Amino acid sequence: MKIAILTDPLSASGYRLGGIEVFTAHDTAEAVEVLTRMVQTDEYALIIVNLRLLPEPYVSVRKVMRRRELPILLAVPPHREAVHSSDTEAEIYMRQLIKETTGYEFKI
């Protein structure tokens, strides 16, 4: 199973350089369509979603996710916002998101 990210076209290049499979959407409606297709493929264990496109990705694809344990959907702030926050703030934010999403607490 793979990891992928759903983000806006402007942020996509940076993630591609990092070797992550990238899907893009220009707006919320398109993001819901793309995320639905991604979930239905059963190829991904983790799908990272740009928070600006879909603040609550599980709600957006609730029907498709029914009876599925995977993928885990993780909404993260756009790259520019994450870079400008302090390391401590970013660590706290990511730790909280991971705990809410997986039910486990990780030390980052």
N, C-alpha and C. Protein backbone atom coordinates (compact mmCIF):
# COMPACT_ATOMS: atom_id res chain seq x y z
N MET A 1 0.84 -1.18 0.00
CA MET A 1 0.00 0.00 0.00
C MET A 1 0.89 1.24 0.00
N LYS A 2 0.37 2.30 -0.58
CA LYS A 2 1.16 3.50 -0.80
C LYS A 2 0.65 4.69 0.01
N ILE A 3 1.48 5.74 -0.01
CA ILE A 3 1.13 7.03 0.58
C ILE A 3 0.95 8.01 -0.57
N ALA A 4 -0.07 8.85 -0.48
CA ALA A 4 -0.31 9.86 -1.51
C ALA A 4 -0.77 11.14 -0.84
N ILE A 5 -0.72 12.22 -1.61
CA ILE A 5 -1.20 13.51 -1.12
C ILE A 5 -2.15 14.11 -2.14
N LEU A 6 -3.18 14.76 -1.64
CA LEU A 6 -4.12 15.51 -2.47
C LEU A 6 -3.94 16.97 -2.09
N THR A 7 -3.49 17.77 -3.05
CA THR A 7 -3.17 19.16 -2.76
C THR A 7 -3.50 20.04 -3.95
N ASP A 8 -3.25 21.32 -3.80
CA ASP A 8 -3.46 22.27 -4.89
C ASP A 8 -2.29 22.17 -5.87
N PRO A 9 -2.49 22.58 -7.13
CA PRO A 9 -1.43 22.47 -8.13
C PRO A 9 -0.15 23.23 -7.78
N LEU A 10 -0.26 24.35 -7.06
CA LEU A 10 0.94 25.12 -6.72
C LEU A 10 1.85 24.40 -5.73
N SER A 11 1.28 23.60 -4.86
CA SER A 11 2.06 22.88 -3.85
C SER A 11 2.56 21.53 -4.35
N ALA A 12 2.03 21.06 -5.44
CA ALA A 12 2.30 19.69 -5.90
C ALA A 12 3.76 19.42 -6.20
N SER A 13 4.46 20.36 -6.80
CA SER A 13 5.85 20.12 -7.21
C SER A 13 6.75 19.77 -6.04
N GLY A 14 6.59 20.46 -4.93
CA GLY A 14 7.41 20.19 -3.77
C GLY A 14 7.23 18.78 -3.25
N TYR A 15 6.01 18.30 -3.25
CA TYR A 15 5.74 16.93 -2.79
C TYR A 15 6.27 15.91 -3.79
N ARG A 16 6.15 16.21 -5.07
CA ARG A 16 6.69 15.29 -6.08
C ARG A 16 8.20 15.15 -5.93
N LEU A 17 8.86 16.25 -5.63
CA LEU A 17 10.31 16.20 -5.42
C LEU A 17 10.66 15.31 -4.23
N GLY A 18 9.75 15.22 -3.27
CA GLY A 18 9.96 14.37 -2.11
C GLY A 18 9.62 12.91 -2.38
N GLY A 19 9.17 12.60 -3.58
CA GLY A 19 8.89 11.22 -3.94
C GLY A 19 7.52 10.72 -3.56
N ILE A 20 6.61 11.61 -3.19
CA ILE A 20 5.26 11.22 -2.81
C ILE A 20 4.36 11.27 -4.04
N GLU A 21 3.48 10.30 -4.17
CA GLU A 21 2.51 10.32 -5.26
C GLU A 21 1.53 11.45 -5.01
N VAL A 22 1.35 12.31 -6.01
CA VAL A 22 0.57 13.54 -5.83
C VAL A 22 -0.64 13.57 -6.75
N PHE A 23 -1.77 13.98 -6.18
CA PHE A 23 -2.99 14.24 -6.92
C PHE A 23 -3.35 15.69 -6.65
N THR A 24 -3.89 16.37 -7.64
CA THR A 24 -4.21 17.79 -7.46
C THR A 24 -5.69 18.06 -7.71
N ALA A 25 -6.14 19.15 -7.10
CA ALA A 25 -7.51 19.65 -7.30
C ALA A 25 -7.46 21.16 -7.18
N HIS A 26 -8.32 21.82 -7.92
CA HIS A 26 -8.36 23.28 -7.89
C HIS A 26 -9.32 23.84 -6.85
N ASP A 27 -10.32 23.04 -6.47
CA ASP A 27 -11.32 23.52 -5.52
C ASP A 27 -11.88 22.34 -4.73
N THR A 28 -12.78 22.63 -3.81
CA THR A 28 -13.33 21.61 -2.93
C THR A 28 -14.11 20.54 -3.70
N ALA A 29 -14.93 20.95 -4.64
CA ALA A 29 -15.73 19.99 -5.40
C ALA A 29 -14.84 19.00 -6.15
N GLU A 30 -13.82 19.51 -6.79
CA GLU A 30 -12.89 18.64 -7.52
C GLU A 30 -12.12 17.75 -6.54
N ALA A 31 -11.76 18.30 -5.38
CA ALA A 31 -11.03 17.53 -4.37
C ALA A 31 -11.86 16.35 -3.88
N VAL A 32 -13.16 16.54 -3.68
CA VAL A 32 -14.03 15.45 -3.25
C VAL A 32 -14.05 14.35 -4.31
N GLU A 33 -14.15 14.72 -5.58
CA GLU A 33 -14.16 13.73 -6.67
C GLU A 33 -12.85 12.95 -6.70
N VAL A 34 -11.74 13.65 -6.62
CA VAL A 34 -10.42 12.99 -6.67
C VAL A 34 -10.23 12.09 -5.47
N LEU A 35 -10.56 12.57 -4.28
CA LEU A 35 -10.40 11.78 -3.07
C LEU A 35 -11.29 10.53 -3.12
N THR A 36 -12.48 10.66 -3.61
CA THR A 36 -13.37 9.50 -3.74
C THR A 36 -12.74 8.43 -4.62
N ARG A 37 -12.20 8.82 -5.76
CA ARG A 37 -11.52 7.87 -6.65
C ARG A 37 -10.32 7.23 -5.97
N MET A 38 -9.55 8.04 -5.22
CA MET A 38 -8.37 7.52 -4.54
C MET A 38 -8.75 6.46 -3.51
N VAL A 39 -9.78 6.74 -2.73
CA VAL A 39 -10.22 5.80 -1.69
C VAL A 39 -10.72 4.50 -2.34
N GLN A 40 -11.46 4.61 -3.42
CA GLN A 40 -12.05 3.44 -4.07
C GLN A 40 -11.02 2.50 -4.68
N THR A 41 -9.83 2.99 -4.97
CA THR A 41 -8.81 2.13 -5.59
C THR A 41 -8.23 1.11 -4.62
N ASP A 42 -8.33 1.35 -3.32
CA ASP A 42 -7.73 0.48 -2.31
C ASP A 42 -6.21 0.37 -2.44
N GLU A 43 -5.57 1.36 -3.06
CA GLU A 43 -4.11 1.34 -3.23
C GLU A 43 -3.37 2.05 -2.11
N TYR A 44 -4.05 2.88 -1.33
CA TYR A 44 -3.37 3.77 -0.40
C TYR A 44 -3.66 3.44 1.05
N ALA A 45 -2.60 3.44 1.85
CA ALA A 45 -2.74 3.25 3.30
C ALA A 45 -2.95 4.60 3.98
N LEU A 46 -2.33 5.64 3.41
CA LEU A 46 -2.42 6.99 3.97
C LEU A 46 -2.60 7.97 2.83
N ILE A 47 -3.61 8.82 2.97
CA ILE A 47 -3.81 9.91 2.01
C ILE A 47 -3.77 11.21 2.80
N ILE A 48 -2.80 12.03 2.48
CA ILE A 48 -2.64 13.34 3.11
C ILE A 48 -3.43 14.33 2.27
N VAL A 49 -4.23 15.14 2.93
CA VAL A 49 -5.13 16.06 2.22
C VAL A 49 -4.84 17.49 2.65
N ASN A 50 -4.69 18.37 1.68
CA ASN A 50 -4.49 19.79 1.94
C ASN A 50 -5.72 20.32 2.68
N LEU A 51 -5.50 20.86 3.86
CA LEU A 51 -6.56 21.36 4.73
C LEU A 51 -7.40 22.44 4.07
N ARG A 52 -6.81 23.21 3.19
CA ARG A 52 -7.58 24.26 2.50
C ARG A 52 -8.55 23.68 1.49
N LEU A 53 -8.20 22.55 0.89
CA LEU A 53 -9.11 21.92 -0.07
C LEU A 53 -10.26 21.21 0.64
N LEU A 54 -9.91 20.42 1.66
CA LEU A 54 -10.91 19.65 2.40
C LEU A 54 -10.56 19.66 3.88
N PRO A 55 -11.15 20.54 4.66
CA PRO A 55 -10.83 20.61 6.08
C PRO A 55 -11.21 19.34 6.84
N GLU A 56 -12.24 18.63 6.38
CA GLU A 56 -12.67 17.40 7.04
C GLU A 56 -12.83 16.30 5.97
N PRO A 57 -11.72 15.69 5.57
CA PRO A 57 -11.79 14.74 4.46
C PRO A 57 -12.70 13.54 4.71
N TYR A 58 -12.75 13.02 5.95
CA TYR A 58 -13.63 11.87 6.22
C TYR A 58 -15.09 12.22 5.96
N VAL A 59 -15.48 13.42 6.35
CA VAL A 59 -16.87 13.84 6.14
C VAL A 59 -17.18 13.89 4.65
N SER A 60 -16.22 14.33 3.86
CA SER A 60 -16.41 14.47 2.42
C SER A 60 -16.62 13.14 1.70
N VAL A 61 -16.02 12.08 2.22
CA VAL A 61 -16.11 10.77 1.56
C VAL A 61 -16.69 9.71 2.50
N ARG A 62 -17.54 10.14 3.39
CA ARG A 62 -18.12 9.27 4.43
C ARG A 62 -18.72 7.99 3.84
N LYS A 63 -19.52 8.10 2.78
CA LYS A 63 -20.17 6.93 2.20
C LYS A 63 -19.16 5.95 1.62
N VAL A 64 -18.13 6.46 0.98
CA VAL A 64 -17.11 5.59 0.38
C VAL A 64 -16.26 4.91 1.44
N MET A 65 -16.04 5.58 2.56
CA MET A 65 -15.20 5.04 3.63
C MET A 65 -15.94 4.02 4.50
N ARG A 66 -17.24 3.90 4.35
CA ARG A 66 -18.02 2.98 5.17
C ARG A 66 -17.44 1.57 5.08
N ARG A 67 -17.21 0.97 6.25
CA ARG A 67 -16.68 -0.39 6.41
C ARG A 67 -15.23 -0.52 5.93
N ARG A 68 -14.51 0.55 5.78
CA ARG A 68 -13.10 0.51 5.39
C ARG A 68 -12.24 0.99 6.56
N GLU A 69 -11.18 0.29 6.81
CA GLU A 69 -10.22 0.74 7.81
C GLU A 69 -9.16 1.62 7.18
N LEU A 70 -8.87 1.38 5.93
CA LEU A 70 -7.88 2.16 5.21
C LEU A 70 -8.52 2.75 3.97
N PRO A 71 -8.05 3.85 3.52
CA PRO A 71 -6.86 4.58 3.96
C PRO A 71 -7.16 5.48 5.15
N ILE A 72 -6.10 5.84 5.83
CA ILE A 72 -6.18 6.88 6.85
C ILE A 72 -6.11 8.20 6.10
N LEU A 73 -7.01 9.10 6.43
CA LEU A 73 -7.02 10.43 5.80
C LEU A 73 -6.49 11.44 6.81
N LEU A 74 -5.49 12.18 6.41
CA LEU A 74 -4.84 13.12 7.31
C LEU A 74 -4.85 14.51 6.67
N ALA A 75 -5.62 15.43 7.25
CA ALA A 75 -5.66 16.81 6.74
C ALA A 75 -4.52 17.59 7.35
N VAL A 76 -3.72 18.22 6.52
CA VAL A 76 -2.57 19.01 6.98
C VAL A 76 -2.64 20.40 6.36
N PRO A 77 -2.03 21.38 7.02
CA PRO A 77 -2.05 22.73 6.45
C PRO A 77 -1.22 22.78 5.18
N PRO A 78 -1.54 23.73 4.30
CA PRO A 78 -0.75 23.89 3.09
C PRO A 78 0.72 24.09 3.46
N HIS A 79 1.60 23.66 2.58
CA HIS A 79 3.03 23.69 2.83
C HIS A 79 3.51 25.05 3.31
N ARG A 80 3.06 26.12 2.68
CA ARG A 80 3.52 27.46 3.05
C ARG A 80 3.21 27.78 4.51
N GLU A 81 2.02 27.38 4.99
CA GLU A 81 1.65 27.63 6.38
C GLU A 81 2.48 26.80 7.34
N ALA A 82 2.75 25.56 6.99
CA ALA A 82 3.53 24.68 7.87
C ALA A 82 4.96 25.19 8.00
N VAL A 83 5.52 25.70 6.91
CA VAL A 83 6.89 26.19 6.94
C VAL A 83 7.02 27.43 7.82
N HIS A 84 6.01 28.28 7.81
CA HIS A 84 6.09 29.53 8.55
C HIS A 84 5.75 29.40 10.04
N SER A 85 5.22 28.25 10.45
CA SER A 85 4.96 28.08 11.87
C SER A 85 6.23 27.57 12.54
N SER A 86 6.33 27.75 13.85
CA SER A 86 7.53 27.30 14.55
C SER A 86 7.53 25.79 14.63
N ASP A 87 8.71 25.20 14.83
CA ASP A 87 8.83 23.74 14.93
C ASP A 87 7.93 23.20 16.04
N THR A 88 7.88 23.88 17.16
CA THR A 88 7.07 23.41 18.27
C THR A 88 5.60 23.38 17.89
N GLU A 89 5.11 24.43 17.27
CA GLU A 89 3.71 24.49 16.85
C GLU A 89 3.41 23.40 15.83
N ALA A 90 4.32 23.20 14.88
CA ALA A 90 4.12 22.17 13.86
C ALA A 90 4.10 20.78 14.48
N GLU A 91 5.00 20.53 15.43
CA GLU A 91 5.04 19.22 16.09
C GLU A 91 3.75 18.96 16.86
N ILE A 92 3.29 19.94 17.60
CA ILE A 92 2.06 19.80 18.38
C ILE A 92 0.88 19.54 17.45
N TYR A 93 0.81 20.30 16.38
CA TYR A 93 -0.28 20.16 15.43
C TYR A 93 -0.29 18.77 14.80
N MET A 94 0.86 18.31 14.32
CA MET A 94 0.95 17.01 13.67
C MET A 94 0.65 15.89 14.66
N ARG A 95 1.17 16.00 15.87
CA ARG A 95 0.91 14.98 16.90
C ARG A 95 -0.60 14.87 17.16
N GLN A 96 -1.26 16.02 17.27
CA GLN A 96 -2.71 16.04 17.51
C GLN A 96 -3.47 15.41 16.34
N LEU A 97 -3.09 15.76 15.11
CA LEU A 97 -3.76 15.19 13.94
C LEU A 97 -3.60 13.68 13.87
N ILE A 98 -2.38 13.22 14.13
CA ILE A 98 -2.12 11.78 14.07
C ILE A 98 -2.93 11.05 15.14
N LYS A 99 -2.97 11.61 16.34
CA LYS A 99 -3.73 10.98 17.43
C LYS A 99 -5.22 10.94 17.10
N GLU A 100 -5.76 12.05 16.58
CA GLU A 100 -7.18 12.08 16.24
C GLU A 100 -7.50 11.11 15.11
N THR A 101 -6.59 10.98 14.17
CA THR A 101 -6.83 10.15 13.00
C THR A 101 -6.64 8.67 13.29
N THR A 102 -5.56 8.32 14.00
CA THR A 102 -5.22 6.92 14.20
C THR A 102 -5.61 6.39 15.56
N GLY A 103 -5.78 7.28 16.53
CA GLY A 103 -6.04 6.85 17.89
C GLY A 103 -4.78 6.58 18.69
N TYR A 104 -3.63 6.78 18.05
CA TYR A 104 -2.33 6.55 18.71
C TYR A 104 -1.57 7.86 18.81
N GLU A 105 -0.79 7.99 19.85
CA GLU A 105 0.04 9.17 20.01
C GLU A 105 1.48 8.83 19.67
N PHE A 106 2.07 9.63 18.79
CA PHE A 106 3.44 9.43 18.38
C PHE A 106 4.30 10.60 18.80
N LYS A 107 5.54 10.33 19.12
CA LYS A 107 6.50 11.38 19.40
C LYS A 107 7.17 11.73 18.08
N ILE A 108 7.06 12.98 17.68
CA ILE A 108 7.64 13.41 16.39
C ILE A 108 8.99 14.02 16.64
